[in-house]
Each structure stands twice: as structure tokens, then as C-alpha cells.
Amino acid sequence: MSATSRASDAGEHAMTQSNALIPAHAERPAAVANVAVEQQQYLTFSLGEEMFGLGILSVREILEYGQITEVPLVPPFIQGVINLRGAVVPVINLAVRFGRQAGEITKRTCIVIIEITQDQHTHQMGLVVDAVSEVLEIPSSDIEPPPAFGSRIRTDFIAGMGKVNSKFVVLLNVDQILSLDEVTVLAGLSHSHP
């Protein structure tokens, strides 16, 4: 079973479980209906021991970790590029981007293909993650704002902190994971390789 199927099945299972709590013939109170609208789905994944989440609408697909072509003279977190159905897609190692050591490549290591929009341009990029977990629905009421670490520490890439089973999942703002200059470098990689 592919990682995409596992994530999809997990999301469908979670939705089936939550819908099973209210019989189909019962009327849902307005408050319950509003909560359902305010829930958002996140693809969760791990980097080391920490859990992160990406809004499901920005995720295009999940690939098994495979051949990545290295590119010289790029920042250390840019692992290289892959050929995705004829398109050159830059791949970044998210752990290295966050100032950590790259995780060991295992059978569970994946490349999550996301789509980001910056400066009115849309770009695809791959994110190397240690393992994809599941798709979770997190109600808005369970999402805390990003923590404040002071003006010198960048937190704009954190959309919020999702509370799941008494633990936090760091919810990422995909459009802010990279700075505009870094996205420009990645866009150059996409256009400079055949």
C-alpha cells in the first residue's frame, strides 16, 4: 500500500468514525454543524520525534524516497531535484531547513510534494520527511496561535499549534517555509534543468 493510500485511508477512517457518532437520521444541532465547517484537515508527518502538519489542500502527492539529483552551489537544505512526470521539482530537507540534522533515510522516509504561492507565482516543491503519519481533522478551537519567541526568531512559517491527544502538532504555513529569496533560487532550479 502506498503512502498516499495510507494517508487517504487514515483520513477516510477518521471521517467515518466522527460521522458514526451521530446517526444518519438524527438532526444535527447548529453548533455541531458549525464546528464541522470550522475543522481543517492536515497531513501529519514526523521529523525526528516531533509531529508537524500541512494543510491538506497544499499537498499534491506523497512519493517514496527515491533518486534525487544533487545540484551544486545551493543552500545545504536543498537536497536536489527530482523528475516528476517530466517536470523538474526541487526537493528540500525539512529537518535541515529547520536547523536540525538530516534524519536517516529509512523505508518510511517520504517526499511530500506541495504547492506554494509566493509573489503571485505557484511553485511545486518536495519536502523530505521522516515518515507520513495520517490525515487529521483539527477543529479551529483546538488550534493555538504560534508561540512568540521574540522579534529575532522567525515564526511566520508556523500557522499554529494543533492540540491532538494532549500533544501539540506544529502546523506549518507552506507559503512561508522559505523566504522569497529562497523560493527564487528553487524556481531557478526548476527552470534551469531539462
N, C-alpha and C. Protein backbone atom coordinates (compact mmCIF):
# COMPACT_ATOMS: atom_id res chain seq x y z
N MET A 1 0.86 -1.18 0.00
CA MET A 1 0.00 0.00 0.00
C MET A 1 0.89 1.23 0.00
N SER A 2 0.64 2.17 -0.85
CA SER A 2 1.47 3.37 -0.95
C SER A 2 1.18 4.32 0.21
N ALA A 3 2.12 5.26 0.42
CA ALA A 3 1.93 6.25 1.49
C ALA A 3 0.71 7.10 1.23
N THR A 4 0.45 7.39 -0.07
CA THR A 4 -0.73 8.19 -0.41
C THR A 4 -1.99 7.45 0.00
N SER A 5 -2.03 6.15 -0.28
CA SER A 5 -3.21 5.37 0.08
C SER A 5 -3.38 5.31 1.59
N ARG A 6 -2.24 5.13 2.31
CA ARG A 6 -2.33 5.07 3.77
C ARG A 6 -2.89 6.37 4.32
N ALA A 7 -2.37 7.50 3.84
CA ALA A 7 -2.84 8.80 4.33
C ALA A 7 -4.30 9.00 3.99
N SER A 8 -4.69 8.62 2.78
CA SER A 8 -6.08 8.78 2.35
C SER A 8 -7.00 7.89 3.18
N ASP A 9 -6.57 6.61 3.36
CA ASP A 9 -7.38 5.69 4.15
C ASP A 9 -7.52 6.18 5.59
N ALA A 10 -6.43 6.71 6.14
CA ALA A 10 -6.49 7.22 7.52
C ALA A 10 -7.48 8.37 7.62
N GLY A 11 -7.45 9.26 6.64
CA GLY A 11 -8.38 10.39 6.65
C GLY A 11 -9.81 9.93 6.52
N GLU A 12 -10.07 8.97 5.61
CA GLU A 12 -11.43 8.46 5.43
C GLU A 12 -11.90 7.74 6.69
N HIS A 13 -10.97 6.99 7.33
CA HIS A 13 -11.33 6.28 8.56
C HIS A 13 -11.70 7.27 9.66
N ALA A 14 -10.91 8.34 9.78
CA ALA A 14 -11.21 9.36 10.80
C ALA A 14 -12.56 10.00 10.54
N MET A 15 -12.86 10.29 9.26
CA MET A 15 -14.14 10.91 8.93
C MET A 15 -15.28 9.95 9.20
N THR A 16 -15.08 8.66 8.89
CA THR A 16 -16.11 7.66 9.13
C THR A 16 -16.39 7.54 10.62
N GLN A 17 -15.31 7.55 11.43
CA GLN A 17 -15.50 7.45 12.88
C GLN A 17 -16.28 8.64 13.41
N SER A 18 -15.93 9.86 12.99
CA SER A 18 -16.63 11.03 13.53
C SER A 18 -18.08 11.06 13.06
N ASN A 19 -18.36 10.62 11.85
CA ASN A 19 -19.73 10.59 11.36
C ASN A 19 -20.54 9.48 12.02
N ALA A 20 -19.87 8.43 12.50
CA ALA A 20 -20.57 7.31 13.12
C ALA A 20 -21.15 7.70 14.47
N LEU A 21 -20.66 8.76 15.08
CA LEU A 21 -21.15 9.18 16.39
C LEU A 21 -22.56 9.75 16.32
N ILE A 22 -22.96 10.27 15.16
CA ILE A 22 -24.29 10.88 15.01
C ILE A 22 -25.06 10.03 14.00
N PRO A 23 -26.15 9.42 14.41
CA PRO A 23 -26.93 8.60 13.47
C PRO A 23 -27.34 9.42 12.26
N ALA A 24 -27.41 8.75 11.11
CA ALA A 24 -27.72 9.43 9.85
C ALA A 24 -29.09 10.10 9.90
N HIS A 25 -30.05 9.51 10.61
CA HIS A 25 -31.40 10.06 10.63
C HIS A 25 -31.56 11.20 11.65
N ALA A 26 -30.59 11.36 12.55
CA ALA A 26 -30.71 12.41 13.59
C ALA A 26 -30.37 13.77 13.00
N GLU A 27 -31.09 14.78 13.49
CA GLU A 27 -30.78 16.14 13.06
C GLU A 27 -29.58 16.62 13.86
N ARG A 28 -28.67 17.28 13.16
CA ARG A 28 -27.50 17.81 13.84
C ARG A 28 -27.81 19.20 14.34
N PRO A 29 -27.49 19.48 15.58
CA PRO A 29 -27.68 20.84 16.08
C PRO A 29 -26.80 21.81 15.30
N ALA A 30 -27.23 23.07 15.25
CA ALA A 30 -26.49 24.09 14.51
C ALA A 30 -25.05 24.20 15.00
N ALA A 31 -24.83 24.08 16.30
CA ALA A 31 -23.48 24.21 16.84
C ALA A 31 -22.57 23.12 16.30
N VAL A 32 -23.07 21.88 16.21
CA VAL A 32 -22.28 20.78 15.69
C VAL A 32 -21.98 21.01 14.22
N ALA A 33 -22.95 21.47 13.47
CA ALA A 33 -22.74 21.73 12.04
C ALA A 33 -21.69 22.80 11.84
N ASN A 34 -21.71 23.86 12.68
CA ASN A 34 -20.71 24.92 12.55
C ASN A 34 -19.31 24.43 12.89
N VAL A 35 -19.19 23.58 13.89
CA VAL A 35 -17.88 23.05 14.26
C VAL A 35 -17.32 22.24 13.10
N ALA A 36 -18.15 21.45 12.45
CA ALA A 36 -17.68 20.64 11.33
C ALA A 36 -17.13 21.52 10.22
N VAL A 37 -17.76 22.66 9.97
CA VAL A 37 -17.30 23.56 8.92
C VAL A 37 -15.95 24.16 9.30
N GLU A 38 -15.72 24.41 10.60
CA GLU A 38 -14.51 25.05 11.05
C GLU A 38 -13.33 24.09 11.19
N GLN A 39 -13.55 22.80 11.00
CA GLN A 39 -12.46 21.84 11.08
C GLN A 39 -11.64 21.90 9.80
N GLN A 40 -10.35 21.71 9.96
CA GLN A 40 -9.47 21.67 8.80
C GLN A 40 -8.71 20.37 8.81
N GLN A 41 -8.37 19.89 7.62
CA GLN A 41 -7.63 18.64 7.52
C GLN A 41 -6.14 18.94 7.32
N TYR A 42 -5.32 18.15 8.01
CA TYR A 42 -3.88 18.30 7.95
C TYR A 42 -3.23 16.95 7.71
N LEU A 43 -2.26 16.91 6.81
CA LEU A 43 -1.43 15.73 6.64
C LEU A 43 -0.34 15.84 7.70
N THR A 44 -0.26 14.85 8.58
CA THR A 44 0.74 14.91 9.64
C THR A 44 1.92 14.01 9.29
N PHE A 45 3.09 14.46 9.73
CA PHE A 45 4.32 13.72 9.45
C PHE A 45 5.31 13.99 10.58
N SER A 46 6.34 13.16 10.63
CA SER A 46 7.34 13.34 11.69
C SER A 46 8.68 13.75 11.12
N LEU A 47 9.36 14.55 11.92
CA LEU A 47 10.78 14.88 11.73
C LEU A 47 11.41 14.55 13.07
N GLY A 48 12.17 13.48 13.12
CA GLY A 48 12.68 13.02 14.41
C GLY A 48 11.51 12.60 15.28
N GLU A 49 11.45 13.14 16.48
CA GLU A 49 10.38 12.79 17.42
C GLU A 49 9.20 13.76 17.37
N GLU A 50 9.29 14.81 16.57
CA GLU A 50 8.25 15.83 16.56
C GLU A 50 7.27 15.62 15.41
N MET A 51 6.01 16.00 15.68
CA MET A 51 4.96 15.90 14.66
C MET A 51 4.68 17.28 14.07
N PHE A 52 4.49 17.29 12.76
CA PHE A 52 4.16 18.51 12.03
C PHE A 52 2.94 18.23 11.18
N GLY A 53 2.27 19.29 10.76
CA GLY A 53 1.10 19.15 9.90
C GLY A 53 1.12 20.17 8.79
N LEU A 54 0.64 19.75 7.63
CA LEU A 54 0.48 20.63 6.46
C LEU A 54 -0.98 20.62 6.07
N GLY A 55 -1.54 21.78 5.77
CA GLY A 55 -2.91 21.84 5.27
C GLY A 55 -3.04 20.94 4.05
N ILE A 56 -4.03 20.08 4.06
CA ILE A 56 -4.17 19.06 3.02
C ILE A 56 -4.34 19.67 1.63
N LEU A 57 -4.86 20.88 1.55
CA LEU A 57 -5.07 21.50 0.24
C LEU A 57 -3.78 21.88 -0.45
N SER A 58 -2.68 22.01 0.29
CA SER A 58 -1.40 22.35 -0.32
C SER A 58 -0.61 21.11 -0.74
N VAL A 59 -1.05 19.93 -0.31
CA VAL A 59 -0.35 18.69 -0.61
C VAL A 59 -0.84 18.14 -1.95
N ARG A 60 0.09 17.88 -2.86
CA ARG A 60 -0.27 17.34 -4.17
C ARG A 60 -0.15 15.82 -4.20
N GLU A 61 0.93 15.29 -3.62
CA GLU A 61 1.09 13.83 -3.56
C GLU A 61 2.22 13.48 -2.61
N ILE A 62 2.31 12.19 -2.32
CA ILE A 62 3.35 11.67 -1.43
C ILE A 62 4.10 10.59 -2.21
N LEU A 63 5.42 10.74 -2.25
CA LEU A 63 6.25 9.80 -3.00
C LEU A 63 7.17 9.03 -2.06
N GLU A 64 7.48 7.79 -2.42
CA GLU A 64 8.52 7.08 -1.70
C GLU A 64 9.83 7.81 -1.98
N TYR A 65 10.72 7.79 -1.00
CA TYR A 65 12.01 8.43 -1.19
C TYR A 65 12.76 7.70 -2.30
N GLY A 66 13.25 8.45 -3.27
CA GLY A 66 13.96 7.84 -4.39
C GLY A 66 15.16 8.67 -4.80
N GLN A 67 15.55 8.50 -6.04
CA GLN A 67 16.73 9.17 -6.58
C GLN A 67 16.53 10.68 -6.62
N ILE A 68 17.44 11.40 -5.97
CA ILE A 68 17.44 12.87 -6.00
C ILE A 68 18.75 13.30 -6.64
N THR A 69 18.66 14.14 -7.66
CA THR A 69 19.86 14.65 -8.33
C THR A 69 20.37 15.86 -7.57
N GLU A 70 21.61 15.76 -7.10
CA GLU A 70 22.20 16.88 -6.35
C GLU A 70 22.51 18.03 -7.30
N VAL A 71 22.42 19.24 -6.77
CA VAL A 71 22.71 20.45 -7.52
C VAL A 71 23.78 21.21 -6.75
N PRO A 72 24.89 21.59 -7.42
CA PRO A 72 25.95 22.30 -6.70
C PRO A 72 25.57 23.75 -6.39
N LEU A 73 26.26 24.32 -5.40
CA LEU A 73 26.16 25.73 -5.05
C LEU A 73 24.76 26.18 -4.64
N VAL A 74 24.06 25.33 -3.92
CA VAL A 74 22.75 25.70 -3.38
C VAL A 74 22.84 25.61 -1.85
N PRO A 75 21.92 26.24 -1.14
CA PRO A 75 21.95 26.14 0.33
C PRO A 75 21.87 24.67 0.78
N PRO A 76 22.45 24.36 1.94
CA PRO A 76 22.51 22.96 2.40
C PRO A 76 21.17 22.27 2.53
N PHE A 77 20.09 23.01 2.80
CA PHE A 77 18.79 22.35 2.98
C PHE A 77 18.16 21.94 1.65
N ILE A 78 18.68 22.43 0.53
CA ILE A 78 18.17 22.00 -0.78
C ILE A 78 18.90 20.71 -1.13
N GLN A 79 18.17 19.62 -1.10
CA GLN A 79 18.78 18.31 -1.31
C GLN A 79 19.05 18.05 -2.78
N GLY A 80 18.30 18.69 -3.67
CA GLY A 80 18.48 18.50 -5.10
C GLY A 80 17.16 18.63 -5.82
N VAL A 81 17.05 17.92 -6.95
CA VAL A 81 15.82 17.96 -7.75
C VAL A 81 15.41 16.54 -8.13
N ILE A 82 14.12 16.38 -8.40
CA ILE A 82 13.60 15.11 -8.92
C ILE A 82 12.84 15.38 -10.21
N ASN A 83 12.69 14.33 -11.00
CA ASN A 83 11.89 14.39 -12.21
C ASN A 83 10.51 13.85 -11.85
N LEU A 84 9.52 14.72 -11.90
CA LEU A 84 8.15 14.32 -11.57
C LEU A 84 7.31 14.44 -12.83
N ARG A 85 7.16 13.32 -13.53
CA ARG A 85 6.40 13.28 -14.78
C ARG A 85 6.87 14.36 -15.76
N GLY A 86 8.19 14.47 -15.90
CA GLY A 86 8.77 15.42 -16.86
C GLY A 86 9.03 16.80 -16.31
N ALA A 87 8.55 17.10 -15.12
CA ALA A 87 8.79 18.41 -14.51
C ALA A 87 9.94 18.29 -13.50
N VAL A 88 10.79 19.30 -13.47
CA VAL A 88 11.88 19.34 -12.50
C VAL A 88 11.34 19.97 -11.22
N VAL A 89 11.39 19.20 -10.13
CA VAL A 89 10.84 19.67 -8.85
C VAL A 89 11.97 19.72 -7.82
N PRO A 90 12.25 20.90 -7.26
CA PRO A 90 13.26 21.00 -6.21
C PRO A 90 12.81 20.28 -4.95
N VAL A 91 13.77 19.70 -4.24
CA VAL A 91 13.47 18.96 -3.02
C VAL A 91 14.29 19.56 -1.88
N ILE A 92 13.60 19.90 -0.79
CA ILE A 92 14.32 20.41 0.38
C ILE A 92 14.18 19.41 1.52
N ASN A 93 15.23 19.36 2.32
CA ASN A 93 15.20 18.52 3.51
C ASN A 93 14.66 19.39 4.63
N LEU A 94 13.46 19.12 5.06
CA LEU A 94 12.78 19.98 6.02
C LEU A 94 13.51 20.02 7.37
N ALA A 95 14.10 18.91 7.79
CA ALA A 95 14.85 18.90 9.05
C ALA A 95 16.02 19.87 8.97
N VAL A 96 16.77 19.82 7.88
CA VAL A 96 17.92 20.72 7.71
C VAL A 96 17.43 22.16 7.60
N ARG A 97 16.32 22.39 6.92
CA ARG A 97 15.76 23.74 6.81
C ARG A 97 15.44 24.32 8.18
N PHE A 98 15.02 23.46 9.10
CA PHE A 98 14.68 23.90 10.45
C PHE A 98 15.89 23.88 11.39
N GLY A 99 17.10 23.74 10.84
CA GLY A 99 18.32 23.81 11.64
C GLY A 99 18.66 22.55 12.39
N ARG A 100 18.15 21.41 11.94
CA ARG A 100 18.42 20.13 12.60
C ARG A 100 19.29 19.28 11.69
N GLN A 101 19.70 18.15 12.22
CA GLN A 101 20.43 17.20 11.41
C GLN A 101 19.45 16.43 10.53
N ALA A 102 19.90 16.10 9.33
CA ALA A 102 19.06 15.30 8.44
C ALA A 102 18.84 13.93 9.08
N GLY A 103 17.61 13.46 8.99
CA GLY A 103 17.30 12.14 9.53
C GLY A 103 17.85 11.04 8.65
N GLU A 104 17.98 9.87 9.22
CA GLU A 104 18.44 8.71 8.47
C GLU A 104 17.35 8.30 7.47
N ILE A 105 17.75 7.95 6.26
CA ILE A 105 16.80 7.50 5.24
C ILE A 105 16.37 6.07 5.57
N THR A 106 15.06 5.87 5.75
CA THR A 106 14.51 4.55 6.06
C THR A 106 13.42 4.22 5.05
N LYS A 107 12.78 3.07 5.25
CA LYS A 107 11.66 2.68 4.38
C LYS A 107 10.49 3.64 4.50
N ARG A 108 10.39 4.34 5.62
CA ARG A 108 9.26 5.25 5.85
C ARG A 108 9.53 6.68 5.37
N THR A 109 10.78 6.98 4.99
CA THR A 109 11.12 8.32 4.51
C THR A 109 10.34 8.60 3.23
N CYS A 110 9.74 9.78 3.16
CA CYS A 110 8.91 10.15 2.01
C CYS A 110 9.29 11.53 1.50
N ILE A 111 8.84 11.81 0.29
CA ILE A 111 8.91 13.15 -0.27
C ILE A 111 7.47 13.60 -0.45
N VAL A 112 7.10 14.65 0.27
CA VAL A 112 5.75 15.21 0.17
C VAL A 112 5.82 16.35 -0.85
N ILE A 113 5.07 16.20 -1.94
CA ILE A 113 5.04 17.25 -2.97
C ILE A 113 3.96 18.25 -2.57
N ILE A 114 4.39 19.51 -2.42
CA ILE A 114 3.45 20.57 -2.05
C ILE A 114 3.46 21.65 -3.12
N GLU A 115 2.45 22.48 -3.05
CA GLU A 115 2.36 23.62 -3.95
C GLU A 115 2.34 24.87 -3.08
N ILE A 116 3.26 25.81 -3.39
CA ILE A 116 3.30 27.07 -2.65
C ILE A 116 3.03 28.22 -3.59
N THR A 117 2.51 29.30 -3.04
CA THR A 117 2.26 30.51 -3.82
C THR A 117 2.96 31.66 -3.14
N GLN A 118 3.87 32.29 -3.87
CA GLN A 118 4.54 33.48 -3.36
C GLN A 118 4.68 34.47 -4.50
N ASP A 119 4.40 35.70 -4.21
CA ASP A 119 4.52 36.78 -5.19
C ASP A 119 3.69 36.47 -6.44
N GLN A 120 2.50 35.92 -6.23
CA GLN A 120 1.53 35.58 -7.27
C GLN A 120 2.03 34.50 -8.23
N HIS A 121 3.04 33.73 -7.84
CA HIS A 121 3.53 32.62 -8.64
C HIS A 121 3.36 31.33 -7.83
N THR A 122 2.96 30.27 -8.51
CA THR A 122 2.78 28.98 -7.86
C THR A 122 3.95 28.07 -8.24
N HIS A 123 4.51 27.41 -7.23
CA HIS A 123 5.65 26.51 -7.43
C HIS A 123 5.38 25.20 -6.72
N GLN A 124 5.89 24.11 -7.32
CA GLN A 124 5.85 22.82 -6.63
C GLN A 124 7.22 22.58 -6.03
N MET A 125 7.24 21.95 -4.87
CA MET A 125 8.49 21.53 -4.27
C MET A 125 8.25 20.27 -3.47
N GLY A 126 9.31 19.52 -3.27
CA GLY A 126 9.25 18.32 -2.46
C GLY A 126 9.85 18.56 -1.10
N LEU A 127 9.25 17.98 -0.08
CA LEU A 127 9.76 18.07 1.29
C LEU A 127 10.13 16.67 1.76
N VAL A 128 11.39 16.46 2.12
CA VAL A 128 11.80 15.18 2.67
C VAL A 128 11.39 15.14 4.13
N VAL A 129 10.60 14.13 4.50
CA VAL A 129 10.15 13.96 5.88
C VAL A 129 10.48 12.54 6.33
N ASP A 130 10.63 12.35 7.63
CA ASP A 130 11.00 11.03 8.15
C ASP A 130 9.90 9.99 7.94
N ALA A 131 8.65 10.39 8.13
CA ALA A 131 7.53 9.46 7.94
C ALA A 131 6.23 10.24 7.89
N VAL A 132 5.34 9.82 7.00
CA VAL A 132 4.00 10.39 6.95
C VAL A 132 3.13 9.60 7.91
N SER A 133 2.32 10.30 8.71
CA SER A 133 1.51 9.63 9.72
C SER A 133 0.09 9.40 9.24
N GLU A 134 -0.73 10.47 9.23
CA GLU A 134 -2.13 10.33 8.88
C GLU A 134 -2.71 11.70 8.54
N VAL A 135 -3.94 11.69 8.05
CA VAL A 135 -4.68 12.92 7.83
C VAL A 135 -5.57 13.12 9.05
N LEU A 136 -5.44 14.28 9.69
CA LEU A 136 -6.23 14.59 10.88
C LEU A 136 -7.14 15.76 10.61
N GLU A 137 -8.34 15.71 11.19
CA GLU A 137 -9.22 16.87 11.20
C GLU A 137 -9.05 17.54 12.55
N ILE A 138 -8.64 18.79 12.53
CA ILE A 138 -8.42 19.52 13.77
C ILE A 138 -9.38 20.70 13.82
N PRO A 139 -10.26 20.74 14.82
CA PRO A 139 -11.18 21.87 14.93
C PRO A 139 -10.41 23.16 15.21
N SER A 140 -10.93 24.27 14.71
CA SER A 140 -10.30 25.57 14.94
C SER A 140 -10.11 25.85 16.43
N SER A 141 -11.04 25.36 17.25
CA SER A 141 -10.95 25.60 18.70
C SER A 141 -9.75 24.89 19.33
N ASP A 142 -9.18 23.89 18.63
CA ASP A 142 -8.01 23.17 19.14
C ASP A 142 -6.70 23.66 18.52
N ILE A 143 -6.74 24.80 17.85
CA ILE A 143 -5.53 25.36 17.24
C ILE A 143 -5.16 26.65 17.97
N GLU A 144 -3.98 26.64 18.56
CA GLU A 144 -3.46 27.81 19.27
C GLU A 144 -2.61 28.64 18.30
N PRO A 145 -2.50 29.95 18.54
CA PRO A 145 -1.63 30.76 17.68
C PRO A 145 -0.17 30.36 17.85
N PRO A 146 0.68 30.73 16.87
CA PRO A 146 2.10 30.40 17.00
C PRO A 146 2.69 31.03 18.26
N PRO A 147 3.64 30.36 18.89
CA PRO A 147 4.26 30.93 20.08
C PRO A 147 5.10 32.15 19.72
N ALA A 148 5.26 33.06 20.66
CA ALA A 148 6.09 34.25 20.46
C ALA A 148 7.46 33.99 21.10
N PHE A 149 8.50 34.00 20.26
CA PHE A 149 9.85 33.77 20.76
C PHE A 149 10.68 35.05 20.77
N GLY A 150 10.08 36.16 20.41
CA GLY A 150 10.82 37.41 20.32
C GLY A 150 10.96 37.84 18.87
N SER A 151 11.37 39.06 18.67
CA SER A 151 11.39 39.63 17.32
C SER A 151 12.51 39.08 16.44
N ARG A 152 13.53 38.47 17.01
CA ARG A 152 14.66 37.99 16.20
C ARG A 152 14.46 36.56 15.70
N ILE A 153 13.48 35.86 16.19
CA ILE A 153 13.26 34.48 15.76
C ILE A 153 12.04 34.44 14.86
N ARG A 154 12.25 33.89 13.67
CA ARG A 154 11.20 33.83 12.65
C ARG A 154 10.19 32.74 12.99
N THR A 155 8.92 33.10 13.09
CA THR A 155 7.88 32.10 13.35
C THR A 155 6.76 32.19 12.32
N ASP A 156 6.97 32.98 11.26
CA ASP A 156 5.89 33.15 10.28
C ASP A 156 5.55 31.87 9.53
N PHE A 157 6.45 30.88 9.56
CA PHE A 157 6.18 29.61 8.88
C PHE A 157 5.30 28.70 9.73
N ILE A 158 5.00 29.09 10.97
CA ILE A 158 4.12 28.31 11.84
C ILE A 158 2.72 28.91 11.77
N ALA A 159 1.78 28.14 11.26
CA ALA A 159 0.39 28.60 11.16
C ALA A 159 -0.30 28.52 12.52
N GLY A 160 0.12 27.58 13.34
CA GLY A 160 -0.48 27.41 14.65
C GLY A 160 0.01 26.12 15.29
N MET A 161 -0.49 25.88 16.48
CA MET A 161 -0.14 24.67 17.23
C MET A 161 -1.43 23.89 17.46
N GLY A 162 -1.57 22.76 16.78
CA GLY A 162 -2.77 21.94 16.91
C GLY A 162 -2.68 21.02 18.12
N LYS A 163 -3.73 21.02 18.94
CA LYS A 163 -3.78 20.13 20.10
C LYS A 163 -4.44 18.82 19.67
N VAL A 164 -3.67 17.74 19.75
CA VAL A 164 -4.17 16.42 19.37
C VAL A 164 -3.76 15.44 20.46
N ASN A 165 -4.75 14.86 21.14
CA ASN A 165 -4.48 13.88 22.20
C ASN A 165 -3.47 14.40 23.22
N SER A 166 -3.67 15.59 23.72
CA SER A 166 -2.85 16.25 24.73
C SER A 166 -1.41 16.52 24.29
N LYS A 167 -1.15 16.44 22.99
CA LYS A 167 0.16 16.79 22.44
C LYS A 167 -0.03 17.89 21.40
N PHE A 168 1.05 18.57 21.08
CA PHE A 168 0.99 19.60 20.05
C PHE A 168 1.53 19.08 18.73
N VAL A 169 0.86 19.48 17.65
CA VAL A 169 1.34 19.26 16.29
C VAL A 169 1.63 20.65 15.74
N VAL A 170 2.87 20.86 15.25
CA VAL A 170 3.24 22.15 14.68
C VAL A 170 2.63 22.23 13.29
N LEU A 171 1.68 23.15 13.11
CA LEU A 171 1.00 23.31 11.82
C LEU A 171 1.77 24.34 11.00
N LEU A 172 2.23 23.92 9.83
CA LEU A 172 3.10 24.77 9.01
C LEU A 172 2.32 25.60 8.02
N ASN A 173 2.78 26.80 7.80
CA ASN A 173 2.26 27.68 6.74
C ASN A 173 3.18 27.47 5.55
N VAL A 174 2.75 26.66 4.58
CA VAL A 174 3.64 26.26 3.48
C VAL A 174 4.17 27.44 2.68
N ASP A 175 3.39 28.50 2.57
CA ASP A 175 3.84 29.64 1.78
C ASP A 175 4.95 30.42 2.48
N GLN A 176 5.22 30.11 3.75
CA GLN A 176 6.25 30.84 4.50
C GLN A 176 7.43 29.96 4.94
N ILE A 177 7.44 28.68 4.53
CA ILE A 177 8.55 27.80 4.93
C ILE A 177 9.87 28.35 4.40
N LEU A 178 9.82 28.91 3.21
CA LEU A 178 11.00 29.50 2.59
C LEU A 178 10.79 31.00 2.43
N SER A 179 11.89 31.75 2.47
CA SER A 179 11.80 33.18 2.20
C SER A 179 11.63 33.39 0.70
N LEU A 180 11.27 34.59 0.30
CA LEU A 180 11.09 34.90 -1.11
C LEU A 180 12.37 34.65 -1.89
N ASP A 181 13.53 35.00 -1.32
CA ASP A 181 14.82 34.77 -1.99
C ASP A 181 15.06 33.28 -2.19
N GLU A 182 14.72 32.47 -1.19
CA GLU A 182 14.92 31.02 -1.30
C GLU A 182 13.99 30.42 -2.35
N VAL A 183 12.77 30.90 -2.42
CA VAL A 183 11.83 30.43 -3.45
C VAL A 183 12.36 30.79 -4.83
N THR A 184 12.96 31.97 -4.96
CA THR A 184 13.53 32.38 -6.25
C THR A 184 14.65 31.42 -6.66
N VAL A 185 15.48 30.99 -5.71
CA VAL A 185 16.54 30.01 -6.00
C VAL A 185 15.90 28.71 -6.48
N LEU A 186 14.86 28.24 -5.79
CA LEU A 186 14.20 27.00 -6.17
C LEU A 186 13.54 27.11 -7.54
N ALA A 187 12.93 28.25 -7.82
CA ALA A 187 12.30 28.45 -9.13
C ALA A 187 13.35 28.40 -10.22
N GLY A 188 14.53 28.93 -9.94
CA GLY A 188 15.63 28.87 -10.90
C GLY A 188 16.06 27.44 -11.16
N LEU A 189 16.05 26.60 -10.13
CA LEU A 189 16.39 25.18 -10.32
C LEU A 189 15.38 24.50 -11.22
N SER A 190 14.11 24.82 -11.03
CA SER A 190 13.05 24.20 -11.83
C SER A 190 13.19 24.53 -13.30
N HIS A 191 13.61 25.77 -13.59
CA HIS A 191 13.67 26.21 -14.98
C HIS A 191 15.01 25.95 -15.64
N SER A 192 16.07 25.67 -14.86
CA SER A 192 17.39 25.51 -15.45
C SER A 192 17.73 24.07 -15.80
N HIS A 193 16.93 23.11 -15.34
CA HIS A 193 17.19 21.71 -15.64
C HIS A 193 16.17 21.19 -16.64
N PRO A 194 16.65 20.35 -17.58
CA PRO A 194 15.71 19.79 -18.56
C PRO A 194 14.79 18.78 -17.94
